[in-house]
Protein backbone atom coordinates (compact mmCIF):
# COMPACT_ATOMS: atom_id res chain seq x y z
CA UNK A 1 20.96 5.58 7.04
CA UNK A 2 17.48 4.95 7.77
CA UNK A 3 14.51 7.19 7.11
CA UNK A 4 13.81 10.61 10.11
CA UNK A 5 10.64 12.39 9.90
CA UNK A 6 13.05 14.87 11.80
CA UNK A 7 15.74 14.90 9.56
CA UNK A 8 13.53 14.40 6.31
CA UNK A 9 12.27 18.48 7.75
CA UNK A 10 15.39 19.42 7.97
CA UNK A 11 16.77 19.03 4.58
CA UNK A 12 13.69 20.13 3.01
CA UNK A 13 14.70 23.36 4.61
CA UNK A 14 18.65 23.07 2.52
CA UNK A 15 19.26 23.23 -1.07
CA UNK A 16 18.69 19.85 -0.92
CA UNK A 17 19.52 18.02 -4.91
CA UNK A 18 18.27 14.20 -4.13
CA UNK A 19 16.42 12.62 -2.95
CA UNK A 20 16.75 8.44 -2.31
CA UNK A 21 13.98 6.69 -0.66
CA UNK A 22 13.99 2.30 -0.92
CA UNK A 23 12.12 0.38 1.57
CA UNK A 24 10.36 -2.96 0.83
CA UNK A 25 7.23 -2.01 0.34
CA UNK A 26 5.33 0.46 -2.90
CA UNK A 27 3.20 2.23 0.30
CA UNK A 28 6.63 3.20 2.19
CA UNK A 29 8.39 5.13 -0.88
CA UNK A 30 5.17 5.89 -2.03
CA UNK A 31 4.81 8.27 1.05
CA UNK A 32 8.08 10.04 1.99
CA UNK A 33 7.90 10.57 -1.79
CA UNK A 34 4.36 12.67 -1.13
CA UNK A 35 5.67 14.77 1.68
CA UNK A 36 8.38 15.75 -0.45
CA UNK A 37 6.76 17.01 -3.60
CA UNK A 38 4.27 18.30 -1.37
CA UNK A 39 6.88 20.62 0.63
CA UNK A 40 9.17 21.26 -2.44
CA UNK A 41 6.11 21.97 -5.30
CA UNK A 42 5.22 25.97 -3.71
CA UNK A 43 8.46 26.73 -4.63
CA UNK A 44 9.38 24.15 -7.93
CA UNK A 45 5.67 24.18 -9.24
CA UNK A 46 7.01 22.49 -12.52
CA UNK A 47 7.46 18.71 -11.89
CA UNK A 48 8.13 15.86 -13.88
CA UNK A 49 7.57 12.14 -13.70
CA UNK A 50 9.31 9.49 -15.44
CA UNK A 51 7.74 6.49 -14.66
CA UNK A 52 10.17 3.78 -14.06
CA UNK A 53 11.07 0.69 -13.51
CA UNK A 54 14.50 2.31 -16.25
CA UNK A 55 13.03 5.43 -17.46
CA UNK A 56 15.90 6.32 -20.69
CA UNK A 57 18.83 8.42 -19.36
CA UNK A 58 18.14 10.65 -22.19
CA UNK A 59 14.65 11.22 -21.20
CA UNK A 60 16.60 12.01 -17.19
CA UNK A 61 18.61 14.83 -18.75
CA UNK A 62 16.02 15.97 -20.76
CA UNK A 63 13.75 16.55 -18.24
CA UNK A 64 16.00 17.65 -15.69
CA UNK A 65 17.52 20.28 -18.22
CA UNK A 66 14.28 21.52 -18.81
CA UNK A 67 14.18 25.86 -17.01
CA UNK A 68 10.62 25.86 -14.84
CA UNK A 69 8.03 28.06 -16.98
CA UNK A 70 7.38 29.05 -13.00
CA UNK A 71 11.26 30.03 -11.98
CA UNK A 72 13.23 28.04 -9.58
CA UNK A 73 14.05 24.32 -9.61
CA UNK A 74 12.16 21.63 -11.21
CA UNK A 75 10.83 18.70 -9.47
CA UNK A 76 12.65 15.62 -11.58
CA UNK A 77 10.56 12.29 -10.26
CA UNK A 78 11.70 8.96 -11.18
CA UNK A 79 9.24 6.69 -8.98
CA UNK A 80 9.34 2.73 -8.76
CA UNK A 81 12.88 2.75 -10.11
CA UNK A 82 14.58 -0.28 -10.50
CA UNK A 83 18.24 -0.17 -10.69
CA UNK A 84 19.23 -3.82 -11.45
CA UNK A 85 17.03 -2.67 -15.17
CA UNK A 86 19.76 -0.35 -16.43
CA UNK A 87 23.27 -1.60 -17.77
CA UNK A 88 26.46 -0.80 -15.99
CA UNK A 89 26.81 1.97 -18.28
CA UNK A 90 23.96 3.63 -18.20
CA UNK A 91 24.09 3.48 -14.52
CA UNK A 92 26.40 5.09 -14.31
CA UNK A 93 25.04 7.56 -16.69
CA UNK A 94 22.37 8.02 -14.30
CA UNK A 95 24.66 8.35 -11.42
CA UNK A 96 26.67 11.42 -13.10
CA UNK A 97 23.57 13.16 -13.86
CA UNK A 98 22.20 13.78 -10.63
CA UNK A 99 25.68 14.93 -9.34
CA UNK A 100 25.69 17.52 -12.13
CA UNK A 101 22.61 18.76 -12.77
CA UNK A 102 21.77 22.04 -11.21
CA UNK A 103 18.46 23.91 -11.73
CA UNK A 104 16.26 19.92 -10.63
CA UNK A 105 15.63 18.55 -7.00
CA UNK A 106 15.52 14.70 -8.13
CA UNK A 107 12.89 12.24 -5.77
CA UNK A 108 12.99 8.33 -6.60
CA UNK A 109 12.26 5.93 -5.29
CA UNK A 110 12.69 1.85 -4.76
CA UNK A 111 10.45 -1.00 -3.92
CA UNK A 112 13.50 -3.65 -3.35
CA UNK A 113 13.93 -7.36 -2.16
CA UNK A 114 13.77 -8.59 1.32
CA UNK A 115 14.54 -11.24 2.49
CA UNK A 116 14.37 -13.18 5.60
CA UNK A 117 12.95 -9.47 6.94
CA UNK A 118 15.88 -7.52 5.74
CA UNK A 119 16.48 -5.60 2.50
CA UNK A 120 19.77 -6.52 0.83
CA UNK A 121 20.13 -4.09 -2.58
CA UNK A 122 22.30 -5.74 -5.15
CA UNK A 123 25.26 -4.46 -7.05
CA UNK A 124 23.47 -2.24 -8.93
CA UNK A 125 20.60 -0.81 -6.00
CA UNK A 126 24.03 -1.12 -3.76
CA UNK A 127 26.29 1.45 -7.35
CA UNK A 128 23.39 4.40 -7.05
CA UNK A 129 21.84 4.37 -2.93
CA UNK A 130 25.98 4.92 -2.55
CA UNK A 131 26.08 7.82 -5.51
CA UNK A 132 22.88 9.16 -3.64
CA UNK A 133 24.29 9.18 0.26
CA UNK A 134 26.90 11.78 -1.47
CA UNK A 135 24.01 13.97 -3.22
CA UNK A 136 21.43 13.90 -1.01
CA UNK A 137 19.14 12.57 1.14
CA UNK A 138 18.98 8.70 0.95
CA UNK A 139 17.78 6.02 3.29
CA UNK A 140 16.18 2.43 3.88
CA UNK A 141 12.35 3.00 5.47
CA UNK A 142 11.48 0.25 7.92
CA UNK A 143 8.16 -1.18 8.01
CA UNK A 144 5.85 0.32 10.88
CA UNK A 145 5.62 -1.55 13.34
CA UNK A 146 2.02 -1.61 15.47
CA UNK A 147 1.81 2.03 17.19
CA UNK A 148 2.51 3.75 14.06
CA UNK A 149 -0.43 1.96 12.52
CA UNK A 150 -2.16 2.72 14.29
CA UNK A 151 -1.39 6.27 14.31
CA UNK A 152 -1.89 6.10 10.56
CA UNK A 153 -5.37 4.90 10.61
CA UNK A 154 -6.00 7.74 13.26
CA UNK A 155 -4.49 10.57 11.16
CA UNK A 156 -6.43 9.04 7.42
CA UNK A 157 -9.54 8.87 9.62
CA UNK A 158 -8.92 11.97 11.27
CA UNK A 159 -8.52 13.99 7.51
CA UNK A 160 -11.43 13.16 6.28
CA UNK A 161 -13.16 14.48 9.34
CA UNK A 162 -13.81 10.42 11.42
CA UNK A 163 -12.80 9.16 14.27
CA UNK A 164 -12.06 5.31 16.02
CA UNK A 165 -14.23 4.52 18.52
CA UNK A 166 -12.24 2.86 21.19
CA UNK A 167 -10.86 0.06 20.31
CA UNK A 168 -11.62 0.03 16.66
CA UNK A 169 -8.51 1.07 15.35
CA UNK A 170 -7.26 -2.27 16.56
CA UNK A 171 -9.74 -4.26 15.26
CA UNK A 172 -9.70 -3.30 11.70
CA UNK A 173 -5.85 -3.34 12.00
CA UNK A 174 -6.32 -7.34 12.97
CA UNK A 175 -8.07 -7.69 9.97
CA UNK A 176 -6.14 -5.85 7.06
CA UNK A 177 -2.40 -7.33 8.78
CA UNK A 178 0.68 -3.83 7.59
CA UNK A 179 -0.95 -3.36 3.96
CA UNK A 180 -0.97 -0.29 4.30
CA UNK A 181 -2.66 0.41 0.85
CA UNK A 182 -5.47 -1.57 2.35
CA UNK A 183 -5.35 -0.07 5.54
CA UNK A 184 -5.64 3.30 4.08
CA UNK A 185 -8.86 2.40 1.92
CA UNK A 186 -10.18 0.53 4.40
CA UNK A 187 -10.92 3.33 6.52
CA UNK A 188 -11.72 6.17 3.89
CA UNK A 189 -14.57 3.24 3.33
CA UNK A 190 -15.15 3.18 6.38
CA UNK A 191 -14.97 6.97 7.24
CA UNK A 192 -18.06 7.60 4.61
CA UNK A 193 -19.84 4.64 6.44
CA UNK A 194 -19.75 6.37 9.36
CA UNK A 195 -21.17 9.51 7.34
CA UNK A 196 -17.34 11.04 8.59
CA UNK A 197 -18.32 10.75 12.59
CA UNK A 198 -17.13 7.85 14.74
CA UNK A 199 -16.18 4.43 13.46
CA UNK A 200 -16.70 1.42 15.18
CA UNK A 201 -16.50 -1.92 15.87
CA UNK A 202 -19.31 -3.49 14.74
CA UNK A 203 -18.71 -1.40 11.61
CA UNK A 204 -15.27 -2.60 10.91
CA UNK A 205 -17.78 -6.58 11.51
CA UNK A 206 -19.85 -5.75 9.67
CA UNK A 207 -18.32 -4.23 5.84
CA UNK A 208 -15.23 -4.28 6.65
CA UNK A 209 -13.00 -6.28 4.36
CA UNK A 210 -10.46 -8.39 5.11
CA UNK A 211 -6.92 -9.12 2.77
CA UNK A 212 -8.28 -11.30 0.50
CA UNK A 213 -5.97 -14.25 1.54
CA UNK A 214 -7.81 -13.58 4.89
CA UNK A 215 -11.77 -13.55 2.89
CA UNK A 216 -10.71 -16.40 1.15
CA UNK A 217 -9.95 -18.55 3.74
CA UNK A 218 -12.56 -17.46 5.40
CA UNK A 219 -14.56 -19.26 2.87
CA UNK A 220 -11.96 -22.67 3.22
CA UNK A 221 -13.28 -22.82 7.49
CA UNK A 222 -16.54 -22.75 6.64
CA UNK A 223 -16.17 -24.86 3.95
CA UNK A 224 -14.00 -27.54 5.71
CA UNK A 225 -16.62 -27.69 8.41
CA UNK A 226 -19.63 -28.21 6.10
CA UNK A 227 -21.28 -24.78 5.92
CA UNK A 228 -21.58 -24.14 2.70
CA UNK A 229 -24.63 -21.95 2.63
CA UNK A 230 -22.27 -20.02 4.84
CA UNK A 231 -19.40 -19.78 2.21
CA UNK A 232 -21.54 -18.93 -0.62
CA UNK A 233 -22.62 -15.79 1.28
CA UNK A 234 -19.44 -14.78 2.31
CA UNK A 235 -18.17 -15.46 -2.18
CA UNK A 236 -21.14 -13.25 -2.69
CA UNK A 237 -19.93 -10.45 -0.14
CA UNK A 238 -16.45 -10.56 -2.18
CA UNK A 239 -18.50 -10.20 -5.68
CA UNK A 240 -20.32 -7.65 -4.22
CA UNK A 241 -16.96 -5.21 -2.85
CA UNK A 242 -15.84 -5.56 -6.80
CA UNK A 243 -12.75 -8.21 -6.38
CA UNK A 244 -11.55 -9.46 -9.41
CA UNK A 245 -13.49 -13.23 -9.46
CA UNK A 246 -9.21 -14.11 -11.14
CA UNK A 247 -7.65 -12.40 -7.52
CA UNK A 248 -10.10 -14.65 -5.45
CA UNK A 249 -9.62 -17.51 -7.41
CA UNK A 250 -5.27 -16.85 -6.63
CA UNK A 251 -6.13 -16.64 -3.59
CA UNK A 252 -8.13 -19.13 -2.99
CA UNK A 253 -5.19 -21.11 -3.97
CA UNK A 254 -2.67 -20.20 -2.11
CA UNK A 255 -5.23 -21.62 0.58
CA UNK A 256 -5.10 -24.79 -0.49
CA UNK A 257 -0.98 -24.55 -0.82
CA UNK A 258 -0.79 -23.20 2.90
CA UNK A 259 -3.10 -26.08 4.06
CA UNK A 260 -1.34 -28.70 1.49
CA UNK A 261 1.75 -27.52 3.23
CA UNK A 262 0.67 -27.46 6.41
CA UNK A 263 -0.02 -30.52 6.24
CA UNK A 264 2.68 -32.27 4.66
CA UNK A 265 5.07 -30.92 6.66
CA UNK A 266 2.69 -32.25 9.82
CA UNK A 267 3.12 -35.52 8.66
CA UNK A 268 7.41 -35.48 8.17
CA UNK A 269 7.31 -34.20 11.75
CA UNK A 270 8.83 -30.87 10.92
CA UNK A 271 8.19 -27.12 12.34
CA UNK A 272 6.02 -24.58 10.64
CA UNK A 273 9.77 -22.67 11.52
CA UNK A 274 10.79 -25.00 9.12
CA UNK A 275 7.84 -24.89 6.13
CA UNK A 276 8.45 -20.93 6.74
CA UNK A 277 12.34 -21.17 5.76
CA UNK A 278 10.96 -23.60 3.68
CA UNK A 279 9.12 -21.72 1.28
CA UNK A 280 9.69 -17.91 2.35
CA UNK A 281 7.19 -17.42 4.05
CA UNK A 282 7.21 -13.48 5.51
CA UNK A 283 5.19 -11.52 7.70
CA UNK A 284 3.61 -12.80 10.85
CA UNK A 285 3.28 -16.65 8.74
CA UNK A 286 3.13 -18.18 12.45
CA UNK A 287 -0.81 -16.79 12.17
CA UNK A 288 -1.17 -17.69 8.56
CA UNK A 289 0.56 -21.11 8.66
CA UNK A 290 -0.95 -21.91 11.93
CA UNK A 291 -4.23 -21.04 10.72
CA UNK A 292 -3.36 -23.55 7.50
CA UNK A 293 -2.32 -26.58 10.59
CA UNK A 294 -5.37 -26.38 12.25
CA UNK A 295 -7.79 -26.74 8.93
CA UNK A 296 -5.14 -29.44 7.41
CA UNK A 297 -6.75 -31.56 10.06
CA UNK A 298 -10.04 -31.16 8.64
CA UNK A 299 -8.82 -32.80 5.53
CA UNK A 300 -7.03 -36.02 3.44
CA UNK A 301 -4.68 -35.38 1.17
CA UNK A 302 -6.15 -36.56 -1.22
CA UNK A 303 -9.17 -33.93 -0.64
CA UNK A 304 -6.37 -31.32 -0.86
CA UNK A 305 -5.50 -32.18 -4.26
CA UNK A 306 -8.80 -32.95 -5.44
CA UNK A 307 -9.48 -29.31 -4.98
CA UNK A 308 -6.24 -27.81 -5.90
CA UNK A 309 -7.00 -29.76 -9.52
CA UNK A 310 -10.59 -27.95 -9.03
CA UNK A 311 -8.92 -24.04 -8.37
CA UNK A 312 -6.60 -24.72 -11.55
CA UNK A 313 -9.33 -25.60 -13.43
CA UNK A 314 -11.97 -22.78 -12.57
CA UNK A 315 -8.53 -20.69 -13.22
CA UNK A 316 -8.41 -22.11 -16.87
CA UNK A 317 -11.73 -21.04 -17.09
CA UNK A 318 -11.96 -17.44 -15.73
CA UNK A 319 -9.67 -16.70 -18.86
CA UNK A 320 -10.52 -18.53 -21.30
CA UNK A 321 -14.70 -20.36 -21.26
CA UNK A 322 -16.98 -17.21 -22.36
CA UNK A 323 -20.02 -18.40 -18.87
CA UNK A 324 -20.28 -15.54 -16.04
CA UNK A 325 -17.37 -15.30 -14.21
CA UNK A 326 -19.54 -15.03 -10.97
CA UNK A 327 -21.48 -18.26 -11.66
CA UNK A 328 -18.13 -20.24 -11.79
CA UNK A 329 -16.86 -18.99 -9.16
CA UNK A 330 -20.15 -20.20 -7.13
CA UNK A 331 -19.84 -24.09 -9.19
CA UNK A 332 -16.46 -23.76 -8.03
CA UNK A 333 -17.30 -24.24 -4.39
CA UNK A 334 -19.57 -26.41 -4.60
CA UNK A 335 -17.33 -28.46 -6.17
CA UNK A 336 -14.94 -28.05 -3.23
CA UNK A 337 -17.70 -29.01 -0.48
CA UNK A 338 -18.88 -31.47 -2.43
CA UNK A 339 -14.68 -32.62 -2.54
CA UNK A 340 -14.68 -31.91 1.43
CA UNK A 341 -17.67 -35.09 1.94
CA UNK A 342 -16.15 -37.39 -0.59
CA UNK A 343 -14.78 -39.73 2.22
């Protein structure tokens, strides 16, 4: 069964003992679980959270059997549960506990692997899903489309007292992609920047970050175009926004791997669709790999390989060198620029 806001509202008005949400992204299940907790906490203010991926069954039984101090039923939350981490015996005990407990309401969430755009639950995931479908509200949450994401962005802005100027939310979505955590964080930052007034396209252009992958790819394109000074300026902006140097390096490595793969794919006269399938790219892979293919045309194979060696050494240095991380990144970026200039 797929998630429905209207159906969830109906279930919240009943004596539903189990809510189980599963999706390919954490943000999706967290939002749904928070809705249930907020709606039910008025009548059941006692909440016990047992963090995943596999709380001991004894802990779950103890939490479910504890009488609420305020009367009514206790909420027992099992966020980011991983059914595959349980043995068959323990998973059966968990399902039995969900079925037999009378004075608790369970809210469970799981992030399941997605293959080629579809969630394919494993054997133990299917067992838990089947049990929860019989007991309460158990649904898969699909990724929201573009229109829904824009509506969510407008809603988050409105909650803080801000609003988007015409076309601004679409521009923000173009930069953030479908990452809901990033999108929500960006809305909060831009709302504060606007003094909780109007969020304009100019604000997004000037200060709105993109995904780290996209930001670092901008740096790679600047390096490829011989614009080292601008690439260093972009790096400084990322550091001032307190992005972790190791994560920046990881994103740069991912960018150059995309370029290397696109380069080899073009040389072998295969398509980007073949590349996406071979390396299991998901989401907007055609945009990502299209950019990589275009940038790859500026490089020789030896230059890309040399760049990857520079980034590998940077990663090692960041994890073990006493030198300043910002300086190591700046040095590596200059080395990448020199590699680009070599023949």
